[in-house]
Protein backbone atom coordinates (compact mmCIF):
# COMPACT_ATOMS: atom_id res chain seq x y z
CA PRO A 1 24.39 -7.13 -17.47
CA GLU A 2 25.99 -8.39 -14.50
CA GLN A 3 24.06 -5.25 -12.70
CA ASP A 4 20.65 -6.36 -14.11
CA TRP A 5 19.29 -7.66 -11.48
CA ARG A 6 17.49 -10.01 -13.73
CA LEU A 7 20.29 -12.14 -14.81
CA TRP A 8 22.21 -13.58 -12.29
CA TRP A 9 25.38 -15.64 -13.14
CA GLN A 10 24.87 -19.11 -12.24
CA ASP A 11 25.73 -19.90 -8.84
CA GLU A 12 24.47 -22.74 -6.94
CA SER A 13 24.63 -21.02 -3.47
CA THR A 14 21.37 -18.81 -4.96
CA ARG A 15 17.95 -19.85 -5.34
CA TRP A 16 16.10 -17.33 -8.53
CA ILE A 17 12.30 -17.19 -7.52
CA CYS A 18 10.59 -14.45 -9.56
CA PHE A 19 7.42 -13.39 -8.59
CA LEU A 20 5.43 -11.64 -11.32
CA GLY A 21 1.58 -10.86 -12.16
CA LYS A 22 -0.45 -12.90 -14.67
CA ASP A 23 -0.02 -10.88 -17.35
CA ASN A 24 4.04 -11.77 -17.75
CA ILE A 25 3.18 -15.33 -17.32
CA VAL A 26 4.14 -15.73 -21.13
CA PHE A 27 7.57 -13.97 -21.46
CA HIS A 28 9.07 -15.09 -17.97
CA THR A 29 8.34 -18.59 -18.22
CA LEU A 30 8.50 -19.34 -22.23
CA MET A 31 10.50 -16.25 -23.65
CA PHE A 32 12.88 -14.75 -21.26
CA PRO A 33 13.74 -18.32 -20.20
CA ALA A 34 14.93 -19.37 -23.86
CA MET A 35 16.42 -16.35 -24.04
CA LEU A 36 19.13 -17.14 -21.43
CA LEU A 37 19.07 -20.69 -22.88
CA ALA A 38 20.32 -19.26 -25.85
CA HIS A 39 23.34 -17.12 -24.53
CA ASN A 40 24.27 -20.48 -22.08
CA ALA A 41 24.60 -22.77 -25.55
CA GLY A 42 26.77 -20.12 -26.81
CA PRO A 43 30.62 -19.66 -26.54
CA SER A 44 30.50 -17.45 -23.27
CA GLU A 45 32.46 -18.90 -19.81
CA ARG A 46 29.89 -17.00 -18.39
CA LYS A 47 26.13 -18.65 -18.41
CA TYR A 48 23.12 -17.06 -16.87
CA GLN A 49 20.95 -18.79 -13.99
CA LEU A 50 17.26 -19.74 -15.13
CA PRO A 51 14.34 -19.25 -12.39
CA ASP A 52 13.96 -21.79 -10.22
CA ASN A 53 10.56 -21.11 -10.21
CA VAL A 54 8.11 -18.14 -10.99
CA PRO A 55 5.03 -17.86 -8.83
CA ALA A 56 2.25 -15.62 -10.86
CA ASN A 57 -0.71 -13.60 -8.70
CA GLU A 58 -3.88 -12.63 -9.56
CA PHE A 59 -4.48 -8.52 -9.64
CA MET A 60 -5.53 -6.53 -6.73
CA ASN A 61 -8.29 -4.28 -7.19
CA LEU A 62 -8.71 -1.03 -4.72
CA GLN A 63 -11.92 -0.08 -2.96
CA GLY A 64 -13.52 -2.87 -6.14
CA GLN A 65 -12.63 -0.80 -8.60
CA LYS A 66 -8.84 -1.84 -11.57
CA LEU A 67 -6.15 0.36 -9.94
CA SER A 68 -5.73 3.27 -12.47
CA LYS A 69 -2.88 6.53 -12.43
CA SER A 70 -4.65 8.20 -14.53
CA ARG A 71 -8.31 8.11 -13.13
CA GLY A 72 -7.27 8.81 -9.88
CA TRP A 73 -7.38 5.83 -8.47
CA VAL A 74 -4.75 4.76 -7.14
CA LEU A 75 -2.52 4.41 -3.94
CA GLU A 76 0.19 6.17 -3.28
CA PRO A 77 2.31 4.10 -0.89
CA HIS A 78 4.91 7.59 -0.29
CA GLU A 79 1.89 9.41 0.67
CA TYR A 80 0.29 6.46 2.09
CA LEU A 81 2.99 5.53 4.53
CA LYS A 82 3.14 9.01 6.00
CA ARG A 83 0.20 8.08 7.53
CA TYR A 84 0.32 4.73 8.62
CA PRO A 85 3.29 2.61 9.61
CA ALA A 86 4.81 0.08 6.35
CA ASP A 87 3.92 -3.28 8.72
CA LEU A 88 -0.04 -2.17 8.54
CA ILE A 89 -0.09 -2.46 5.02
CA ARG A 90 2.32 -5.29 4.71
CA TYR A 91 0.43 -7.74 7.43
CA THR A 92 -2.58 -6.67 4.67
CA LEU A 93 -1.65 -6.90 1.85
CA ALA A 94 -0.05 -10.28 2.79
CA ALA A 95 -3.77 -11.32 4.43
CA THR A 96 -5.42 -10.80 1.19
CA ILE A 97 -2.71 -11.06 -1.38
CA PRO A 98 -4.23 -12.42 -4.52
CA GLU A 99 -2.98 -15.93 -4.65
CA GLN A 100 -5.87 -17.19 -7.40
CA LYS A 101 -7.48 -15.17 -7.67
CA ASP A 102 -7.98 -11.28 -8.32
CA SER A 103 -8.76 -9.46 -4.85
CA ASP A 104 -9.66 -5.80 -3.64
CA PHE A 105 -7.93 -3.75 -1.36
CA TYR A 106 -10.72 -2.06 1.04
CA TRP A 107 -9.77 0.71 3.78
CA LYS A 108 -13.11 -1.36 5.68
CA ASP A 109 -10.63 -4.37 5.39
CA PHE A 110 -7.33 -2.41 6.29
CA GLN A 111 -9.36 -1.59 9.10
CA ALA A 112 -10.54 -4.51 9.89
CA HIS A 113 -6.94 -6.24 10.11
CA THR A 114 -5.37 -4.02 11.86
CA ASN A 115 -7.87 -3.78 14.58
CA ASN A 116 -9.03 -7.07 15.19
CA GLU A 117 -6.08 -9.09 14.21
CA LEU A 118 -2.93 -7.39 14.22
CA ALA A 119 -4.08 -4.93 17.47
CA ASP A 120 -6.26 -7.08 19.22
CA ILE A 121 -4.84 -10.63 19.15
CA PHE A 122 -1.10 -10.00 18.62
CA GLY A 123 0.01 -6.84 19.68
CA ASN A 124 -1.96 -7.28 22.90
CA LEU A 125 -0.85 -10.46 23.84
CA VAL A 126 2.55 -8.79 23.50
CA ASN A 127 1.41 -6.21 26.22
CA ARG A 128 -0.60 -8.56 28.52
CA VAL A 129 2.42 -10.51 28.74
CA LEU A 130 5.56 -8.10 29.44
CA THR A 131 2.98 -6.04 31.77
CA PHE A 132 2.19 -8.84 34.22
CA VAL A 133 5.86 -9.85 34.49
CA GLU A 134 6.51 -6.37 35.13
CA ARG A 135 3.90 -6.49 37.85
CA ASN A 136 4.49 -9.70 39.08
CA PHE A 137 8.03 -10.92 38.08
CA GLU A 138 9.80 -7.61 38.72
CA ASN A 139 9.94 -6.97 35.12
CA LYS A 140 12.02 -10.52 34.43
CA VAL A 141 12.15 -13.31 32.74
CA PRO A 142 11.43 -15.85 35.61
CA SER A 143 13.57 -19.00 36.43
CA VAL A 144 11.36 -22.05 36.36
CA GLU A 145 12.29 -26.07 35.65
CA GLY A 146 11.40 -28.18 32.54
CA ILE A 147 10.64 -25.29 29.80
CA SER A 148 11.49 -26.88 27.12
CA GLU A 149 8.90 -28.97 27.63
CA SER A 150 6.37 -26.66 27.47
CA VAL A 151 2.73 -27.77 26.05
CA LEU A 152 2.72 -24.08 24.22
CA LEU A 153 6.07 -23.68 22.77
CA LYS A 154 5.32 -27.76 21.81
CA GLN A 155 1.93 -26.29 19.83
CA PHE A 156 4.36 -23.53 18.52
CA SER A 157 7.23 -26.51 17.07
CA GLU A 158 4.56 -28.15 15.52
CA GLN A 159 2.63 -25.26 13.64
CA ALA A 160 5.82 -23.78 12.25
CA ILE A 161 6.88 -26.37 9.95
CA ALA A 162 3.95 -26.43 8.79
CA ILE A 163 4.29 -22.37 8.19
CA GLY A 164 7.59 -22.67 6.72
CA THR A 165 6.16 -25.44 4.31
CA LEU A 166 3.40 -22.56 3.12
CA TYR A 167 5.98 -20.20 2.68
CA GLU A 168 7.66 -23.22 0.56
CA ARG A 169 5.76 -23.20 -1.73
CA PHE A 170 4.98 -19.77 -1.28
CA LYS A 171 1.02 -19.72 -0.36
CA LEU A 172 1.64 -16.01 1.63
CA ARG A 173 -1.93 -15.53 2.58
CA GLU A 174 -2.30 -18.83 4.16
CA ALA A 175 1.40 -18.27 6.06
CA CYS A 176 0.02 -14.92 6.97
CA GLN A 177 -3.37 -16.44 8.35
CA ALA A 178 -1.10 -19.28 10.41
CA THR A 179 1.30 -16.90 11.93
CA MET A 180 -2.07 -15.74 13.14
CA ASP A 181 -3.04 -18.68 14.60
CA LEU A 182 0.41 -19.22 16.32
CA ALA A 183 -1.13 -15.19 17.88
CA ARG A 184 -4.33 -16.89 18.53
CA THR A 185 -2.62 -20.39 20.21
CA ALA A 186 -0.51 -18.62 22.99
CA ASN A 187 -3.58 -16.09 23.36
CA LYS A 188 -5.58 -19.05 23.97
CA TYR A 189 -3.11 -21.01 26.32
CA PHE A 190 -2.54 -16.94 28.44
CA ASN A 191 -6.20 -17.08 29.07
CA ASP A 192 -6.75 -20.87 30.07
CA GLU A 193 -3.86 -21.05 32.40
CA GLU A 194 -4.97 -18.39 34.08
CA PRO A 195 -2.30 -16.83 35.24
CA TRP A 196 -3.50 -13.87 37.78
CA LYS A 197 -4.82 -16.65 40.11
CA LEU A 198 -1.78 -18.71 39.89
CA VAL A 199 0.17 -15.56 40.72
CA LYS A 200 -1.79 -16.07 44.57
CA SER A 201 -2.22 -19.90 44.48
CA ASP A 202 0.94 -21.59 43.56
CA ARG A 203 3.30 -18.67 42.41
CA THR A 204 6.31 -21.91 40.37
CA LYS A 205 3.44 -22.73 38.02
CA ALA A 206 2.31 -19.42 37.43
CA ALA A 207 6.35 -18.24 36.62
CA PHE A 208 6.23 -21.84 34.50
CA VAL A 209 2.92 -19.85 32.56
CA MET A 210 4.60 -16.72 31.81
CA ARG A 211 8.50 -17.77 31.10
CA SER A 212 6.31 -20.31 27.75
CA CYS A 213 4.49 -16.95 27.17
CA LEU A 214 7.67 -14.91 27.32
CA GLU A 215 9.40 -17.49 24.71
CA ALA A 216 5.87 -17.65 22.61
CA ILE A 217 6.54 -13.94 21.58
CA ARG A 218 10.02 -14.03 21.25
CA ALA A 219 9.52 -17.34 18.84
CA LEU A 220 6.96 -14.71 17.35
CA SER A 221 9.08 -11.83 16.69
CA ILE A 222 10.78 -14.61 14.07
CA TYR A 223 7.74 -16.08 12.86
CA PHE A 224 6.50 -12.96 12.29
CA SER A 225 9.37 -11.11 10.54
CA PRO A 226 8.88 -11.82 6.80
CA ILE A 227 5.52 -9.79 7.16
CA VAL A 228 5.84 -7.25 10.25
CA PRO A 229 9.71 -6.90 10.18
CA GLU A 230 9.88 -2.90 11.89
CA THR A 231 7.30 -4.58 14.15
CA CYS A 232 9.71 -7.79 15.56
CA ALA A 233 12.34 -5.47 16.07
CA ARG A 234 10.60 -4.30 18.55
CA ILE A 235 9.47 -6.70 20.76
CA GLN A 236 13.18 -8.20 20.40
CA LYS A 237 13.72 -4.94 21.60
CA MET A 238 11.41 -5.38 24.88
CA LEU A 239 12.74 -8.55 25.29
CA ALA A 240 16.65 -7.23 25.23
CA ILE A 241 17.49 -9.77 22.68
CA ASP A 242 18.74 -9.34 19.55
CA GLY A 243 17.33 -12.23 17.60
CA ALA A 244 20.80 -13.11 16.35
CA GLY A 245 21.38 -17.14 16.16
CA GLU A 246 17.24 -17.58 15.75
CA THR A 247 16.32 -19.93 12.80
CA TRP A 248 12.92 -20.60 11.85
CA GLU A 249 13.48 -24.09 12.92
CA ASN A 250 14.91 -24.02 16.42
CA ALA A 251 12.97 -19.99 17.34
CA TRP A 252 10.46 -22.03 19.31
CA LEU A 253 13.27 -23.67 21.98
CA PRO A 254 13.58 -21.20 24.77
CA LYS A 255 16.07 -18.88 24.48
CA LEU A 256 15.42 -16.13 27.37
CA SER A 257 18.11 -15.49 29.86
CA GLU A 258 16.94 -16.39 32.89
CA GLY A 259 16.68 -13.53 35.61
CA SER A 260 17.68 -11.00 32.70
CA THR A 261 15.95 -7.86 32.96
CA LEU A 262 12.99 -7.10 30.34
CA GLY A 263 12.83 -3.76 28.56
CA LYS A 264 9.89 -1.22 28.92
CA ALA A 265 6.66 -2.46 27.60
CA GLU A 266 4.75 -1.00 24.41
CA ILE A 267 2.21 -0.53 22.19
CA LEU A 268 2.47 -2.17 19.52
CA PHE A 269 -0.51 -1.40 16.91
CA SER A 270 -3.02 1.64 17.02
CA LYS A 271 -6.44 1.00 16.44
CA MET A 272 -7.93 3.08 12.80
CA GLU A 273 -11.17 4.87 13.76
CA ASP A 274 -13.94 4.85 11.40
CA GLU A 275 -13.43 8.37 10.51
CA GLN A 276 -9.91 7.67 9.26
CA VAL A 277 -11.51 4.93 6.85
CA ALA A 278 -14.17 7.44 5.86
CA GLN A 279 -11.13 9.97 5.34
CA GLU A 280 -9.39 7.99 3.35
CA VAL A 281 -12.33 6.54 1.23
CA GLU A 282 -12.62 10.82 0.60
CA ARG A 283 -9.12 11.52 -0.12
CA LEU A 284 -9.59 8.78 -3.06
CA GLU A 285 -12.72 9.77 -4.35
CA THR A 286 -11.74 13.34 -4.43
CA MET A 287 -8.66 12.21 -6.18
CA ALA A 288 -10.49 10.23 -9.17
CA LYS A 289 -12.79 13.69 -9.21
CA GLU A 290 -9.12 15.78 -9.80
CA ALA A 291 -8.40 13.59 -12.33
CA GLU A 292 -11.91 13.94 -13.63
CA GLY A 293 -11.60 17.40 -13.44
CA ALA A 294 -8.23 17.56 -14.98
CA LYS A 295 -9.05 15.80 -18.13
CA VAL A 296 -8.99 18.28 -21.03
CA ILE A 297 -11.98 18.76 -24.26
CA ALA A 298 -9.15 18.99 -27.20
CA THR A 299 -6.06 17.00 -27.67
CA ALA A 300 -2.96 17.15 -30.48
CA PRO A 301 -2.93 13.29 -31.52
CA THR A 302 0.22 11.99 -33.00
CA HIS A 303 -1.43 9.88 -35.49
CA THR A 304 -4.50 9.24 -37.56
CA VAL A 305 -7.38 10.50 -35.79
CA PRO A 306 -10.23 7.49 -36.56
CA ALA A 307 -13.42 8.06 -37.89
CA ALA A 308 -16.31 8.78 -35.07
CA THR A 309 -18.74 5.77 -34.87
CA SER A 310 -22.50 7.15 -35.48
CA ASN A 311 -22.72 6.48 -31.99
CA GLU A 312 -20.18 9.02 -31.31
CA LEU A 313 -21.74 11.87 -33.98
CA ILE A 314 -23.47 14.64 -32.40
CA THR A 315 -25.08 16.85 -34.52
CA ILE A 316 -25.33 21.00 -34.84
CA ASP A 317 -27.33 21.16 -32.43
CA ASP A 318 -25.69 19.51 -29.71
CA PHE A 319 -22.64 21.74 -30.43
CA LYS A 320 -24.53 24.78 -29.66
CA LYS A 321 -25.79 24.26 -26.78
CA ILE A 322 -21.71 24.30 -25.00
CA LYS A 323 -21.18 28.11 -25.38
CA LEU A 324 -17.12 28.85 -26.03
CA ARG A 325 -16.06 31.59 -24.98
CA THR A 326 -13.24 34.51 -24.80
CA ALA A 327 -11.47 35.18 -20.88
CA LYS A 328 -8.86 37.13 -19.33
CA VAL A 329 -6.84 35.14 -16.69
CA LEU A 330 -7.39 37.59 -13.59
CA GLU A 331 -5.68 35.57 -11.11
CA ALA A 332 -3.43 32.56 -10.92
CA GLU A 333 -3.24 30.38 -7.78
CA ARG A 334 -2.22 26.49 -6.91
CA VAL A 335 -4.61 24.37 -4.85
CA PRO A 336 -3.07 23.63 -1.76
CA LYS A 337 -2.13 19.77 -1.60
CA SER A 338 -2.73 19.85 -5.32
CA LYS A 339 -0.15 19.67 -7.77
CA LYS A 340 -2.54 19.66 -10.97
CA LEU A 341 -4.98 22.09 -10.23
CA LEU A 342 -4.64 25.79 -10.14
CA LYS A 343 -7.07 28.14 -9.29
CA LEU A 344 -8.37 31.05 -11.64
CA GLN A 345 -10.19 34.50 -11.50
CA ILE A 346 -10.89 35.18 -14.96
CA LEU A 347 -13.34 38.00 -16.48
CA VAL A 348 -15.90 36.83 -18.75
CA GLY A 349 -17.37 39.45 -20.53
CA GLU A 350 -18.56 41.92 -17.34
CA GLU A 351 -18.84 38.56 -14.74
CA LYS A 352 -16.33 37.29 -12.69
CA ARG A 353 -15.86 33.57 -12.44
CA GLN A 354 -13.68 30.91 -10.50
CA ILE A 355 -12.78 27.93 -12.84
CA VAL A 356 -10.22 25.40 -11.70
CA ALA A 357 -8.13 24.05 -14.22
CA GLY A 358 -5.87 20.88 -14.06
CA ILE A 359 -2.94 22.74 -15.90
CA GLY A 360 -0.32 23.23 -12.30
CA GLU A 361 2.22 20.89 -13.71
CA THR A 362 3.07 22.80 -16.91
CA PHE A 363 2.18 26.01 -16.51
CA THR A 364 2.76 28.33 -13.06
CA PRO A 365 0.23 30.40 -11.85
CA GLU A 366 2.85 33.49 -12.15
CA GLU A 367 2.40 32.53 -15.69
CA MET A 368 -1.28 32.76 -16.51
CA ILE A 369 -2.07 35.61 -15.09
CA GLY A 370 -3.00 37.89 -18.12
CA LYS A 371 -3.47 35.38 -20.22
CA SER A 372 -6.14 35.27 -23.03
CA ILE A 373 -8.24 31.63 -23.03
CA VAL A 374 -11.12 29.78 -24.26
CA VAL A 375 -12.98 28.80 -21.81
CA VAL A 376 -16.92 26.23 -21.91
CA ALA A 377 -19.04 29.26 -20.20
CA ASN A 378 -22.22 27.03 -19.81
CA LEU A 379 -20.85 23.69 -18.06
CA GLN A 380 -22.42 22.21 -14.42
CA PRO A 381 -20.58 24.06 -11.65
CA ALA A 382 -18.49 21.04 -10.08
CA LYS A 383 -16.18 21.00 -6.88
CA LEU A 384 -12.43 19.93 -6.97
CA MET A 385 -10.77 19.20 -3.75
CA GLY A 386 -13.02 22.16 -2.03
CA ASN A 387 -13.10 24.57 -4.62
CA GLU A 388 -15.82 25.58 -7.15
CA SER A 389 -15.44 25.75 -10.58
CA ASN A 390 -17.85 27.66 -12.83
CA GLY A 391 -16.18 26.48 -16.60
CA MET A 392 -13.56 24.69 -17.69
CA LEU A 393 -10.39 25.88 -19.64
CA LEU A 394 -9.84 24.48 -23.16
CA ALA A 395 -6.35 23.31 -23.90
CA VAL A 396 -4.08 20.59 -25.88
CA ASN A 397 -3.46 17.42 -24.33
CA ASP A 398 -0.92 15.04 -25.77
CA ALA A 399 0.11 11.74 -23.17
CA SER A 400 1.60 13.50 -20.88
CA GLY A 401 -0.91 16.27 -19.78
CA PRO A 402 -1.72 19.73 -21.30
CA VAL A 403 1.22 20.71 -22.95
CA ALA A 404 -0.51 24.08 -25.00
CA LEU A 405 -3.71 26.69 -23.68
CA ILE A 406 -5.74 27.19 -26.65
CA THR A 407 -6.25 30.38 -27.64
CA GLY A 408 -6.72 33.38 -30.47
CA ASP A 409 -3.97 34.43 -32.95
CA ARG A 410 -4.34 38.01 -31.44
CA GLU A 411 -5.39 40.04 -28.69
CA SER A 412 -9.43 39.80 -28.62
CA ASP A 413 -12.00 41.02 -25.70
CA SER A 414 -13.26 39.10 -23.09
CA GLY A 415 -16.43 37.40 -23.66
CA LEU A 416 -16.43 36.94 -27.22
CA GLU A 417 -18.09 33.54 -28.83
CA VAL A 418 -15.84 30.71 -29.94
CA ARG A 419 -17.41 28.95 -32.92
């Protein structure tokens, strides 16, 4: 029990906040606490800690449909992380988290959050400020007087309190939006003060403005860290600081060392192009088609099969439309980038065909060569991951996928009718 993350021993120094989906609310707010209370009422000296709070969210859908691994309608995090930085998905999920009602992850929204907010607001602020300081102040933190009286930093102090309250109330979506508003505030300050003009007419004031902006960026590296931690670490590296000693309450106070040299400015966020969105949507639709194509006709039930309802029954004429034929596998290979699909060259009578079958997790290409199989010979051709399939292989299926091929009990010629 000590190693079970859900069952903490009572410790006054910790709080247990249990985040979950709406389908687990009854168990985690009634049954599970009752089990812990029952244990705590017993003779054991070690008592379990009950959850302090159980924030429950709604469901997040994908492109307007419910997530379903069996239908191929899913985003695999490990695959996603090969193509995009983790902070991008963290931010988009925080900005669309389904707190009050179900929400959707759309690739177009992901593009909009990345381009219009992370890149154009937050990333642009960091880049323009650091680039300006590099060009006009020898890439060093300007020395100024009265920086603690900066109007910008005082605005940060007020807004940071409100954002902290949102986190305490588990309003993560609003907290994310309010933090981006801090970056908007800093951008507006930069634009309104026009340091590109001040540096020519009033260099002292220009230095004050840029010091305020640098301190604001440092504070943002703290306030954004719950959402985009990797990006915030990069910002602190650019500011030549490690963030030690920073807290939510004091992050807005000026802490940069006057005259210290800053690091090299970097582009924090790359914009997502329309072509990338189209590719992601196409990839998702291809996975769904692959999952649909991998479905088999025959199943191996482990329980009594219920009788077909009237609208499920077919006539003998309907069945005669399906042409089942024996076939021999001549060649077999895996479909690139697919764990499930095998591309088979088969002989149906005198006709050579190509079919694509979702059996790659059960059978290897080598063991398929030479096998006699049964196929649906008059199925309309379909494309699976760019490969045309002219027929469907029959297999026995259980909950984990194909487990056996449909074959005869003795060797037979290819092309024979199965009925």
